[in-house]
Amino acid sequence: MMKKIIKYVVVLTLSGVLFNSCETTELGLTDDPNALTPAQADPDFYLNAIQVDFAKFTERVGETMAETVRTENLNNRNYQQAYSPTSFDTAWEEAYQEVLQNIQDMTVLTTESGFDNHTAIGQFIEAYTITELVDMFGDIPYSEALLAADNLNPALDSGADVYAAALTLLDNAIANFNAESPVDPAYDFFYGGDYDKWIMACNTLKLRLYKNMGNTSAFNSIISSGNYIQDSADDFQFTWGTNAVQPDVRHPDYADNYTATGGSDYQSIWLMNLMDTTSDPRLRYFFYRQSATVPGSDGVAPNEETLDCSLQTPPAHYVSGGYVFCTLPNGYWGRNHGNDAGIPPDGLLRTVQGVYPIAGLFDDSSFGEIGLGAGGGGNGVTPLLLASTVEFWRAEVAATSSVASAKPFLLSAVEMSISKVISFGTKDPDYDDSFEPTDAEIAAFVTSIDDAFEAAADDEAKLNIWGEQFLISLKGNGHDGFNMYRRTGYPTDIEPNLEPDPGAFIRSFLYPATAANTNSSIAQKSTVTEQVFWDTNPASPAFPIGN
């Protein structure tokens, strides 16, 4: 809101200057007398905009990172060319111009006024944003990034330095949350003014950073304190609304897919197959089937018009590896990793995202077409820091001493994830609730994970189970999946790219075009194999996830 107001004022000001420049006499002015300045702004307006823009940024980049790890569909057979620099321009602008700049401007006001909770929320969001940028791109502009005309070519800070700055921000945020602020934010879209939960979120973000850096001692110290997100009721997530116009506040994936013409995104065959073949209780919440069958499966003839790959021969590396190609049974209509074919008329046939996390339709085997306002109307969430994620991290830490000792944390994490997902319900009273999983079915699934872990032939097989379940739990949050995949290399048996030689796996993304083309301090990368500072695994393609 504040950004729009400033833009309107600037436009009017420029128009006035152009119209009246010949009569201007105050040529010595250095500040535009007609421009809205931060000193005239309301901290609440700033904070409202910061929270919403932060949610848009994290949702946008999280989708991209999810595509690399098969929890969302990647539609390119070459990793080097999968994402052009221009595809990151909007996210870069959201991060720097709409989140970080507004935090800087707001903090001037809140520091002077002693509005400690406003300041603290800004510090947390800044720490989250800059470290997510590091995890995506590596070294980024930070210390010189918001100097405006004083420095139009801010230098890159090392990822390690940015992480260190983020940890300091989080310490300062905790101190501010513990202070007695005279005024609370009008709207806290994450925790509704519960600052104890904000402190837990600060410590949980620290856990992520320490996990990435391999600082097990600092990680365990926070765990020992008990002051971190341990219950799904305290999860750090952004909740979207249902209003569709002026403004559209629905979950972005809902807005893109629940349309009159059907879905725009394909769902991951790997993920749907894994969940369907293991009777995962979350399956009907994650995916909604518009069709009971898929061409080429369940005795249904292939269809060149709607699913051309159903007439194609599976790639040799899919056959030898035992991977499912093109079609799945039971109506799960999606795409394999790397499928870059054109878009057929299947918008009202393909499987779409369901009730979790975007608040679409719960799958009650009705196989009806989706449409505007269906299901929960987009009142979903963007999950950012979850209690289940912490348990998966704890399993990872435990596995460094003994893989077998990771099992209690793995099972706890799976139970947390299932409870969170099914808490969404069907979001629609007109749908058949009898398809919701029973307590017995949930218990049987958890037992099956336990049994599979115990029966696994070796540590790699056990860690594959851990990695698969971690990725499933991260539906809606690609960030932690991409981090985990680079950090550990698991699961090693994940579906490969359709292209037998797609190039080395993405270890960081190319810099946005606007950054590399306009900032002389940023040299565009020559390859996506450049590793971020904490990624110490072997260089691709020797790394297990080479394709």
Protein backbone atom coordinates (compact mmCIF):
# COMPACT_ATOMS: atom_id res chain seq x y z
CA MET A 1 0.00 0.00 0.00
CA MET A 2 2.70 2.48 0.99
CA LYS A 3 4.75 1.68 -2.07
CA LYS A 4 1.76 2.38 -4.33
CA ILE A 5 1.08 5.69 -2.57
CA ILE A 6 4.68 6.75 -3.06
CA LYS A 7 4.55 5.78 -6.74
CA TYR A 8 1.41 7.84 -7.29
CA VAL A 9 2.92 10.85 -5.59
CA VAL A 10 6.10 10.52 -7.65
CA VAL A 11 4.10 10.33 -10.88
CA LEU A 12 2.12 13.44 -9.98
CA THR A 13 5.28 15.22 -8.93
CA LEU A 14 7.05 14.44 -12.20
CA SER A 15 4.01 15.66 -14.13
CA GLY A 16 4.04 18.91 -12.18
CA VAL A 17 7.74 19.42 -12.80
CA LEU A 18 7.34 18.90 -16.53
CA PHE A 19 4.37 21.27 -16.70
CA ASN A 20 5.76 24.04 -14.52
CA SER A 21 9.53 23.76 -14.93
CA CYS A 22 9.83 27.08 -16.74
CA GLU A 23 8.34 28.92 -13.77
CA THR A 24 10.27 27.14 -11.02
CA THR A 25 12.22 29.57 -8.86
CA GLU A 26 13.28 27.38 -5.91
CA LEU A 27 16.21 25.88 -7.82
CA GLY A 28 18.19 25.29 -4.65
CA LEU A 29 15.84 22.66 -3.25
CA THR A 30 17.45 19.24 -2.78
CA ASP A 31 14.27 17.47 -1.59
CA ASP A 32 11.08 17.28 -3.62
CA PRO A 33 8.51 19.24 -1.56
CA ASN A 34 5.67 17.23 -3.12
CA ALA A 35 7.09 13.73 -2.51
CA LEU A 36 5.91 11.50 0.32
CA THR A 37 8.85 10.81 2.59
CA PRO A 38 9.38 8.02 5.13
CA ALA A 39 9.02 10.56 7.91
CA GLN A 40 5.41 11.15 6.81
CA ALA A 41 4.56 7.46 6.59
CA ASP A 42 2.77 5.19 9.04
CA PRO A 43 4.85 2.24 10.34
CA ASP A 44 1.78 0.01 10.15
CA PHE A 45 1.37 0.72 6.44
CA TYR A 46 4.99 -0.21 5.92
CA LEU A 47 4.72 -3.40 7.97
CA ASN A 48 1.54 -4.50 6.19
CA ALA A 49 3.25 -4.14 2.83
CA ILE A 50 6.43 -5.83 4.07
CA GLN A 51 4.57 -8.91 5.29
CA VAL A 52 2.54 -9.33 2.11
CA ASP A 53 5.47 -8.70 -0.23
CA PHE A 54 7.60 -11.11 1.79
CA ALA A 55 4.94 -13.78 1.37
CA LYS A 56 4.79 -13.19 -2.39
CA PHE A 57 8.58 -13.37 -2.66
CA THR A 58 8.94 -16.57 -0.65
CA GLU A 59 6.06 -18.22 -2.50
CA ARG A 60 7.55 -17.31 -5.87
CA VAL A 61 11.09 -18.54 -5.22
CA GLY A 62 9.87 -21.53 -3.23
CA GLU A 63 7.98 -22.75 -6.29
CA THR A 64 11.16 -22.58 -8.36
CA MET A 65 13.23 -24.49 -5.83
CA ALA A 66 10.48 -27.12 -5.47
CA GLU A 67 10.72 -27.80 -9.20
CA THR A 68 14.36 -28.83 -8.87
CA VAL A 69 13.52 -31.51 -6.27
CA ARG A 70 10.44 -32.97 -7.98
CA THR A 71 7.83 -31.79 -5.48
CA GLU A 72 6.65 -29.52 -8.29
CA ASN A 73 7.06 -30.16 -12.00
CA LEU A 74 10.12 -28.96 -13.92
CA ASN A 75 9.45 -28.50 -17.64
CA ASN A 76 12.98 -28.34 -19.03
CA ARG A 77 15.36 -31.11 -20.00
CA ASN A 78 18.55 -29.09 -19.57
CA TYR A 79 19.47 -27.82 -16.12
CA GLN A 80 21.74 -25.10 -17.47
CA GLN A 81 18.86 -23.64 -19.48
CA ALA A 82 16.00 -24.49 -17.14
CA TYR A 83 15.73 -20.94 -15.81
CA SER A 84 16.72 -17.84 -17.73
CA PRO A 85 18.12 -14.85 -15.82
CA THR A 86 15.00 -12.85 -16.70
CA SER A 87 12.84 -15.37 -14.86
CA PHE A 88 14.25 -14.08 -11.56
CA ASP A 89 13.83 -10.35 -12.19
CA THR A 90 10.47 -10.10 -10.39
CA ALA A 91 11.67 -12.03 -7.33
CA TRP A 92 14.82 -9.88 -7.11
CA GLU A 93 12.72 -6.72 -7.25
CA GLU A 94 10.33 -8.06 -4.61
CA ALA A 95 13.22 -8.88 -2.31
CA TYR A 96 15.19 -5.66 -2.61
CA GLN A 97 12.74 -2.92 -3.59
CA GLU A 98 9.60 -4.13 -1.85
CA VAL A 99 10.83 -6.04 1.20
CA LEU A 100 14.32 -4.90 2.21
CA GLN A 101 13.91 -1.25 1.18
CA ASN A 102 10.62 -0.93 3.02
CA ILE A 103 12.14 -2.55 6.09
CA GLN A 104 14.96 -0.02 6.02
CA ASP A 105 12.53 2.90 5.67
CA MET A 106 10.18 1.56 8.34
CA THR A 107 13.02 0.97 10.78
CA VAL A 108 13.94 4.66 10.68
CA LEU A 109 10.49 5.43 12.04
CA THR A 110 10.12 2.55 14.46
CA THR A 111 13.56 3.04 16.01
CA GLU A 112 12.87 6.71 16.66
CA SER A 113 9.46 5.89 18.17
CA GLY A 114 10.56 2.88 20.16
CA PHE A 115 8.16 0.56 18.32
CA ASP A 116 10.28 -2.47 19.13
CA ASN A 117 7.90 -5.14 17.85
CA HIS A 118 7.60 -3.48 14.43
CA THR A 119 11.39 -3.30 14.30
CA ALA A 120 11.79 -6.92 15.39
CA ILE A 121 9.41 -8.30 12.77
CA GLY A 122 11.32 -6.33 10.15
CA GLN A 123 14.61 -7.75 11.40
CA PHE A 124 13.31 -11.31 11.25
CA ILE A 125 11.92 -10.89 7.73
CA GLU A 126 15.16 -9.26 6.60
CA ALA A 127 17.18 -12.18 7.98
CA TYR A 128 14.89 -14.69 6.28
CA THR A 129 14.96 -12.83 2.95
CA ILE A 130 18.70 -12.31 2.67
CA THR A 131 19.52 -15.89 3.59
CA GLU A 132 16.97 -17.22 1.11
CA LEU A 133 18.69 -15.10 -1.54
CA VAL A 134 22.03 -16.61 -0.53
CA ASP A 135 20.60 -20.11 -0.70
CA MET A 136 19.36 -19.39 -4.22
CA PHE A 137 22.13 -17.32 -5.75
CA GLY A 138 25.21 -17.51 -3.51
CA ASP A 139 26.97 -14.17 -2.94
CA ILE A 140 24.57 -11.23 -3.07
CA PRO A 141 24.64 -7.44 -2.60
CA TYR A 142 23.79 -6.60 0.99
CA SER A 143 26.00 -4.17 2.92
CA GLU A 144 25.91 -1.68 0.01
CA ALA A 145 22.56 -2.75 -1.44
CA LEU A 146 20.23 -0.05 -0.14
CA LEU A 147 22.31 3.10 -0.54
CA ALA A 148 20.24 4.35 -3.49
CA ALA A 149 21.99 7.06 -5.52
CA ASP A 150 25.02 6.90 -3.24
CA ASN A 151 25.95 3.56 -4.78
CA LEU A 152 24.23 2.32 -7.92
CA ASN A 153 26.56 -0.67 -8.24
CA PRO A 154 26.56 -2.36 -4.83
CA ALA A 155 29.25 -4.99 -4.39
CA LEU A 156 28.57 -8.62 -3.61
CA ASP A 157 28.88 -9.77 -0.02
CA SER A 158 30.00 -13.33 0.57
CA GLY A 159 27.24 -15.74 1.50
CA ALA A 160 29.04 -16.45 4.78
CA ASP A 161 29.03 -12.75 5.68
CA VAL A 162 25.34 -12.46 4.86
CA TYR A 163 24.57 -15.45 7.07
CA ALA A 164 26.56 -13.84 9.89
CA ALA A 165 24.61 -10.60 9.43
CA ALA A 166 21.36 -12.55 9.51
CA LEU A 167 22.26 -14.23 12.80
CA THR A 168 22.98 -10.80 14.28
CA LEU A 169 19.62 -9.54 13.00
CA LEU A 170 17.89 -12.47 14.69
CA ASP A 171 19.65 -11.80 17.99
CA ASN A 172 18.57 -8.17 17.78
CA ALA A 173 15.03 -9.19 16.87
CA ILE A 174 14.80 -11.43 19.95
CA ALA A 175 16.02 -8.55 22.11
CA ASN A 176 13.41 -6.24 20.62
CA PHE A 177 10.62 -8.80 21.05
CA ASN A 178 11.61 -9.06 24.70
CA ALA A 179 11.50 -5.28 25.14
CA GLU A 180 8.34 -3.51 26.22
CA SER A 181 7.13 -1.79 23.07
CA PRO A 182 4.64 1.04 23.72
CA VAL A 183 2.74 0.21 20.51
CA ASP A 184 2.02 -3.11 18.80
CA PRO A 185 1.57 -3.52 15.04
CA ALA A 186 -2.01 -3.11 13.90
CA TYR A 187 -1.76 -6.31 11.86
CA ASP A 188 0.55 -9.23 12.52
CA PHE A 189 -0.32 -11.60 9.67
CA PHE A 190 1.80 -14.44 11.04
CA TYR A 191 1.27 -14.72 14.79
CA GLY A 192 -1.44 -12.22 15.65
CA GLY A 193 0.70 -10.36 18.17
CA ASP A 194 2.07 -13.41 20.01
CA TYR A 195 5.72 -12.36 20.32
CA ASP A 196 6.75 -15.50 22.19
CA LYS A 197 5.97 -17.35 18.96
CA TRP A 198 8.01 -14.83 16.99
CA ILE A 199 10.98 -15.59 19.24
CA MET A 200 10.49 -19.30 18.56
CA ALA A 201 10.50 -18.50 14.85
CA CYS A 202 13.75 -16.55 15.23
CA ASN A 203 15.41 -19.52 16.89
CA THR A 204 14.00 -21.90 14.27
CA LEU A 205 15.44 -19.80 11.47
CA LYS A 206 18.74 -19.97 13.32
CA LEU A 207 18.40 -23.77 13.30
CA ARG A 208 18.12 -23.69 9.50
CA LEU A 209 21.22 -21.53 9.17
CA TYR A 210 23.27 -23.60 11.61
CA LYS A 211 22.11 -26.80 9.88
CA ASN A 212 23.27 -25.48 6.51
CA MET A 213 26.60 -24.34 7.95
CA GLY A 214 27.19 -27.64 9.70
CA ASN A 215 27.37 -25.97 13.10
CA THR A 216 25.97 -28.91 15.09
CA SER A 217 26.99 -27.45 18.44
CA ALA A 218 25.00 -24.25 17.93
CA PHE A 219 22.10 -26.28 16.48
CA ASN A 220 21.98 -28.56 19.52
CA SER A 221 22.24 -25.60 21.89
CA ILE A 222 18.98 -24.18 20.54
CA ILE A 223 17.34 -27.60 20.69
CA SER A 224 18.41 -27.89 24.33
CA SER A 225 16.83 -24.51 25.11
CA GLY A 226 13.45 -25.78 23.94
CA ASN A 227 12.63 -22.33 22.58
CA TYR A 228 11.92 -23.14 18.95
CA ILE A 229 8.93 -24.31 16.88
CA GLN A 230 8.00 -27.74 18.25
CA ASP A 231 4.24 -27.78 17.65
CA SER A 232 2.48 -27.35 14.32
CA ALA A 233 0.19 -24.82 16.01
CA ASP A 234 3.23 -22.55 16.13
CA ASP A 235 4.35 -23.05 12.53
CA PHE A 236 5.60 -19.95 10.75
CA GLN A 237 3.42 -19.61 7.67
CA PHE A 238 1.50 -17.00 5.72
CA THR A 239 -2.26 -17.45 5.37
CA TRP A 240 -3.90 -16.22 2.18
CA GLY A 241 -7.50 -15.04 1.77
CA THR A 242 -10.38 -15.77 -0.59
CA ASN A 243 -11.00 -12.36 -2.19
CA ALA A 244 -10.41 -12.70 -5.94
CA VAL A 245 -10.39 -9.10 -7.19
CA GLN A 246 -9.06 -5.70 -6.14
CA PRO A 247 -6.93 -7.14 -4.63
CA ASP A 248 -6.60 -10.85 -5.34
CA VAL A 249 -5.46 -12.22 -1.97
CA ARG A 250 -5.86 -15.92 -2.76
CA HIS A 251 -2.98 -18.37 -2.67
CA PRO A 252 -1.08 -17.68 -5.93
CA ASP A 253 -1.19 -21.35 -7.01
CA TYR A 254 -4.93 -21.42 -6.44
CA ALA A 255 -5.41 -18.25 -8.49
CA ASP A 256 -3.37 -19.74 -11.35
CA ASN A 257 -5.07 -23.14 -11.42
CA TYR A 258 -8.65 -22.87 -10.25
CA THR A 259 -9.92 -21.12 -13.34
CA ALA A 260 -12.71 -21.60 -15.85
CA THR A 261 -10.26 -23.23 -18.26
CA GLY A 262 -8.71 -25.52 -15.67
CA GLY A 263 -5.26 -26.03 -14.26
CA SER A 264 -2.12 -24.35 -15.54
CA ASP A 265 0.45 -26.42 -13.61
CA TYR A 266 1.33 -30.08 -13.95
CA GLN A 267 1.87 -32.17 -10.86
CA SER A 268 4.94 -34.31 -10.28
CA ILE A 269 4.54 -37.93 -11.39
CA TRP A 270 7.31 -38.92 -9.00
CA LEU A 271 5.57 -37.43 -5.98
CA MET A 272 2.08 -38.69 -6.87
CA ASN A 273 3.36 -42.20 -7.58
CA LEU A 274 5.37 -42.35 -4.35
CA MET A 275 2.39 -41.30 -2.27
CA ASP A 276 -0.17 -43.45 -4.12
CA THR A 277 1.88 -46.65 -3.95
CA THR A 278 2.52 -46.23 -0.22
CA SER A 279 -1.08 -45.31 0.71
CA ASP A 280 0.07 -41.98 2.08
CA PRO A 281 -2.79 -40.35 4.09
CA ARG A 282 -1.84 -36.93 2.71
CA LEU A 283 -2.43 -37.88 -0.94
CA ARG A 284 -6.05 -36.75 -1.26
CA TYR A 285 -5.18 -33.44 0.41
CA PHE A 286 -2.24 -32.73 -1.89
CA PHE A 287 -3.85 -33.64 -5.21
CA TYR A 288 -7.28 -33.38 -6.77
CA ARG A 289 -8.05 -35.64 -9.75
CA GLN A 290 -10.33 -34.27 -12.43
CA SER A 291 -10.30 -37.58 -14.31
CA ALA A 292 -10.67 -41.15 -13.02
CA THR A 293 -8.24 -42.47 -15.62
CA VAL A 294 -5.13 -41.43 -17.52
CA PRO A 295 -4.54 -42.35 -21.18
CA GLY A 296 -2.26 -45.38 -21.34
CA SER A 297 -3.14 -46.64 -17.83
CA ASP A 298 -5.87 -48.83 -16.36
CA GLY A 299 -6.69 -50.27 -19.78
CA VAL A 300 -7.46 -46.84 -21.27
CA ALA A 301 -6.14 -46.28 -24.79
CA PRO A 302 -3.34 -43.75 -25.32
CA ASN A 303 -4.45 -40.33 -26.53
CA GLU A 304 -2.19 -38.31 -28.79
CA GLU A 305 -4.19 -35.11 -28.40
CA THR A 306 -4.32 -34.88 -24.61
CA LEU A 307 -1.26 -36.95 -23.59
CA ASP A 308 1.12 -37.47 -26.47
CA CYS A 309 3.74 -39.23 -24.33
CA SER A 310 1.25 -42.08 -23.81
CA LEU A 311 2.18 -43.15 -27.36
CA GLN A 312 5.92 -42.80 -26.82
CA THR A 313 8.51 -45.39 -25.86
CA PRO A 314 9.90 -44.84 -22.35
CA PRO A 315 13.52 -43.59 -22.27
CA ALA A 316 16.06 -46.35 -21.74
CA HIS A 317 17.29 -44.89 -18.44
CA TYR A 318 13.73 -44.88 -17.11
CA VAL A 319 13.28 -48.52 -18.06
CA SER A 320 16.59 -49.63 -16.55
CA GLY A 321 15.98 -47.64 -13.38
CA GLY A 322 12.41 -48.85 -12.95
CA TYR A 323 10.89 -45.35 -13.10
CA VAL A 324 7.28 -44.76 -14.09
CA PHE A 325 6.99 -43.00 -17.44
CA CYS A 326 4.18 -40.69 -18.54
CA THR A 327 1.07 -42.37 -17.13
CA LEU A 328 -0.04 -43.37 -13.67
CA PRO A 329 -3.05 -45.45 -12.64
CA ASN A 330 -6.02 -44.19 -10.61
CA GLY A 331 -6.35 -40.90 -12.48
CA TYR A 332 -3.09 -39.26 -11.33
CA TRP A 333 -2.41 -37.24 -14.48
CA GLY A 334 0.88 -35.35 -14.34
CA ARG A 335 4.30 -35.05 -15.93
CA ASN A 336 7.75 -36.52 -15.47
CA HIS A 337 10.72 -34.44 -14.37
CA GLY A 338 11.96 -32.40 -17.33
CA ASN A 339 8.99 -32.93 -19.64
CA ASP A 340 9.03 -29.86 -21.87
CA ALA A 341 6.32 -30.85 -24.37
CA GLY A 342 3.69 -28.37 -25.47
CA ILE A 343 0.44 -27.79 -23.64
CA PRO A 344 -2.48 -29.88 -24.93
CA PRO A 345 -6.18 -29.26 -24.15
CA ASP A 346 -6.05 -31.01 -20.79
CA GLY A 347 -6.69 -28.17 -18.33
CA LEU A 348 -9.89 -29.83 -17.12
CA LEU A 349 -8.37 -33.32 -17.13
CA ARG A 350 -4.98 -33.10 -15.45
CA THR A 351 -4.51 -33.51 -11.70
CA VAL A 352 -4.25 -30.21 -9.84
CA GLN A 353 -3.15 -29.17 -6.38
CA GLY A 354 -5.71 -29.95 -3.72
CA VAL A 355 -6.74 -28.66 -0.35
CA TYR A 356 -3.22 -28.52 1.15
CA PRO A 357 -1.56 -26.08 1.05
CA ILE A 358 -3.50 -23.93 -1.44
CA ALA A 359 -7.08 -24.53 -0.18
CA GLY A 360 -8.37 -26.09 -3.36
CA LEU A 361 -10.50 -29.21 -3.54
CA PHE A 362 -10.27 -32.29 -1.36
CA ASP A 363 -10.21 -35.42 -3.52
CA ASP A 364 -13.30 -37.48 -2.69
CA SER A 365 -13.14 -39.48 -5.94
CA SER A 366 -15.93 -37.39 -7.47
CA PHE A 367 -13.63 -36.49 -10.42
CA GLY A 368 -15.48 -33.27 -11.16
CA GLU A 369 -13.93 -30.35 -13.00
CA ILE A 370 -12.36 -27.57 -10.98
CA GLY A 371 -13.61 -24.02 -11.23
CA LEU A 372 -13.54 -20.54 -9.75
CA GLY A 373 -14.06 -20.52 -6.01
CA ALA A 374 -14.01 -24.31 -5.67
CA GLY A 375 -12.95 -25.94 -2.43
CA GLY A 376 -11.48 -23.54 0.09
CA GLY A 377 -11.37 -20.66 -2.38
CA GLY A 378 -7.62 -20.18 -2.08
CA ASN A 379 -7.57 -19.58 1.68
CA GLY A 380 -4.39 -21.65 1.92
CA VAL A 381 -0.94 -21.20 3.39
CA THR A 382 2.66 -20.75 2.35
CA PRO A 383 4.53 -22.90 4.90
CA LEU A 384 7.91 -21.42 5.80
CA LEU A 385 9.24 -22.91 9.06
CA LEU A 386 7.46 -26.00 10.36
CA ALA A 387 7.71 -28.13 13.49
CA SER A 388 7.94 -31.22 11.27
CA THR A 389 10.91 -29.68 9.44
CA VAL A 390 12.78 -29.30 12.72
CA GLU A 391 12.22 -33.00 13.45
CA PHE A 392 13.62 -33.91 10.03
CA TRP A 393 16.65 -31.72 10.77
CA ARG A 394 17.08 -33.48 14.11
CA ALA A 395 16.97 -36.83 12.30
CA GLU A 396 19.68 -35.56 9.95
CA VAL A 397 21.87 -34.52 12.87
CA ALA A 398 21.33 -37.84 14.62
CA ALA A 399 22.22 -39.74 11.45
CA THR A 400 25.72 -38.27 11.45
CA SER A 401 26.47 -40.45 14.48
CA SER A 402 24.25 -43.41 13.66
CA VAL A 403 21.69 -43.60 10.86
CA ALA A 404 19.58 -45.96 12.95
CA SER A 405 19.27 -43.29 15.66
CA ALA A 406 17.46 -41.00 13.18
CA LYS A 407 14.32 -43.18 13.21
CA PRO A 408 12.50 -41.68 16.24
CA PHE A 409 12.83 -38.17 14.79
CA LEU A 410 11.78 -39.40 11.34
CA LEU A 411 8.61 -41.01 12.68
CA SER A 412 7.82 -37.96 14.82
CA ALA A 413 8.26 -35.71 11.78
CA VAL A 414 5.97 -37.85 9.62
CA GLU A 415 3.26 -37.86 12.29
CA MET A 416 3.50 -34.07 12.64
CA SER A 417 3.27 -33.58 8.89
CA ILE A 418 0.21 -35.82 8.56
CA SER A 419 -1.56 -34.13 11.47
CA LYS A 420 -0.92 -30.72 9.97
CA VAL A 421 -2.17 -31.69 6.53
CA ILE A 422 -5.36 -33.42 7.63
CA SER A 423 -6.18 -30.52 9.95
CA PHE A 424 -7.13 -28.62 6.80
CA GLY A 425 -10.17 -30.87 6.42
CA THR A 426 -12.02 -30.89 3.13
CA LYS A 427 -12.63 -27.11 3.16
CA ASP A 428 -16.00 -27.85 1.56
CA PRO A 429 -19.06 -29.28 3.36
CA ASP A 430 -20.47 -30.60 0.07
CA TYR A 431 -17.67 -33.13 -0.33
CA ASP A 432 -17.65 -36.67 0.99
CA ASP A 433 -15.72 -36.67 4.25
CA SER A 434 -15.66 -40.47 4.33
CA PHE A 435 -12.54 -40.37 2.18
CA GLU A 436 -10.58 -38.68 4.94
CA PRO A 437 -8.05 -41.10 6.46
CA THR A 438 -8.99 -42.86 9.68
CA ASP A 439 -6.77 -43.00 12.74
CA ALA A 440 -6.12 -46.67 11.95
CA GLU A 441 -5.03 -45.86 8.40
CA ILE A 442 -2.69 -43.14 9.62
CA ALA A 443 -1.20 -45.45 12.26
CA ALA A 444 -0.73 -48.16 9.63
CA PHE A 445 1.11 -45.75 7.35
CA VAL A 446 3.49 -44.60 10.11
CA THR A 447 4.10 -48.26 10.99
CA SER A 448 4.91 -48.96 7.34
CA ILE A 449 7.56 -46.24 7.41
CA ASP A 450 8.97 -47.74 10.61
CA ASP A 451 9.03 -51.22 9.08
CA ALA A 452 10.60 -50.02 5.83
CA PHE A 453 13.31 -48.17 7.74
CA GLU A 454 14.11 -51.25 9.81
CA ALA A 455 14.11 -53.50 6.75
CA ALA A 456 16.26 -51.18 4.62
CA ALA A 457 19.31 -52.99 3.28
CA ASP A 458 21.81 -50.32 4.27
CA ASP A 459 22.22 -46.77 5.54
CA GLU A 460 21.69 -45.30 2.08
CA ALA A 461 18.31 -47.02 1.80
CA LYS A 462 17.35 -45.71 5.24
CA LEU A 463 18.38 -42.17 4.32
CA ASN A 464 16.42 -42.44 1.08
CA ILE A 465 13.29 -43.04 3.16
CA TRP A 466 14.17 -40.03 5.30
CA GLY A 467 14.76 -37.87 2.23
CA GLU A 468 11.53 -38.93 0.54
CA GLN A 469 9.44 -38.22 3.61
CA PHE A 470 11.16 -34.88 4.14
CA LEU A 471 10.33 -33.79 0.59
CA ILE A 472 6.70 -34.91 0.96
CA SER A 473 6.37 -32.88 4.17
CA LEU A 474 7.64 -29.79 2.34
CA LYS A 475 4.75 -29.50 -0.11
CA GLY A 476 4.44 -25.74 -0.60
CA ASN A 477 7.99 -25.03 0.62
CA GLY A 478 10.66 -25.74 -1.97
CA HIS A 479 13.35 -23.80 -0.11
CA ASP A 480 14.12 -26.39 2.54
CA GLY A 481 13.85 -29.21 0.01
CA PHE A 482 16.40 -27.64 -2.32
CA ASN A 483 18.70 -26.99 0.64
CA MET A 484 18.40 -30.54 1.92
CA TYR A 485 18.96 -32.08 -1.50
CA ARG A 486 22.19 -30.16 -2.05
CA ARG A 487 23.30 -30.61 1.54
CA THR A 488 22.86 -34.39 1.70
CA GLY A 489 22.31 -35.85 -1.78
CA TYR A 490 19.24 -37.79 -0.63
CA PRO A 491 17.10 -39.39 -1.82
CA THR A 492 19.47 -40.97 -4.34
CA ASP A 493 16.71 -42.95 -6.08
CA ILE A 494 14.63 -39.93 -7.05
CA GLU A 495 13.15 -39.76 -10.55
CA PRO A 496 15.78 -38.54 -13.06
CA ASN A 497 15.30 -35.97 -15.78
CA LEU A 498 13.71 -37.34 -18.95
CA GLU A 499 16.84 -36.23 -20.78
CA PRO A 500 19.57 -38.88 -20.30
CA ASP A 501 22.22 -36.15 -20.11
CA PRO A 502 20.58 -32.97 -18.77
CA GLY A 503 23.86 -31.50 -17.56
CA ALA A 504 25.06 -31.14 -14.00
CA PHE A 505 22.40 -30.45 -11.39
CA ILE A 506 21.66 -26.86 -10.35
CA ARG A 507 23.72 -25.87 -7.30
CA SER A 508 22.75 -22.19 -7.48
CA PHE A 509 20.73 -20.11 -9.90
CA LEU A 510 21.97 -17.56 -12.42
CA TYR A 511 21.73 -13.97 -11.23
CA PRO A 512 18.64 -12.07 -12.41
CA ALA A 513 19.11 -10.24 -15.70
CA THR A 514 18.32 -6.85 -14.17
CA ALA A 515 21.04 -7.36 -11.56
CA ALA A 516 23.75 -8.69 -13.86
CA ASN A 517 23.02 -6.25 -16.69
CA THR A 518 22.74 -3.05 -14.67
CA ASN A 519 25.13 -3.60 -11.76
CA SER A 520 28.77 -3.47 -12.84
CA SER A 521 29.74 -5.21 -9.58
CA ILE A 522 27.88 -8.38 -10.55
CA ALA A 523 29.37 -10.68 -13.16
CA GLN A 524 26.87 -13.20 -14.45
CA LYS A 525 27.72 -16.82 -13.67
CA SER A 526 28.84 -19.03 -16.52
CA THR A 527 27.11 -22.08 -15.08
CA VAL A 528 24.52 -23.17 -12.55
CA THR A 529 27.02 -25.54 -10.92
CA GLU A 530 28.55 -22.79 -8.74
CA GLN A 531 28.01 -23.87 -5.14
CA VAL A 532 26.83 -21.61 -2.33
CA PHE A 533 29.29 -21.25 0.54
CA TRP A 534 27.77 -23.94 2.77
CA ASP A 535 27.34 -26.51 -0.03
CA THR A 536 30.46 -28.61 0.49
CA ASN A 537 29.37 -31.74 -1.36
CA PRO A 538 31.43 -32.86 -4.39
CA ALA A 539 30.99 -30.80 -7.52
CA SER A 540 28.45 -32.02 -10.06
CA PRO A 541 28.15 -34.42 -11.81
CA ALA A 542 30.04 -36.57 -9.30
CA PHE A 543 27.41 -35.62 -6.76
CA PRO A 544 24.72 -38.37 -6.51
CA ILE A 545 22.05 -36.05 -7.90
CA GLY A 546 23.81 -35.39 -11.19
CA ASN A 547 20.61 -35.88 -13.17
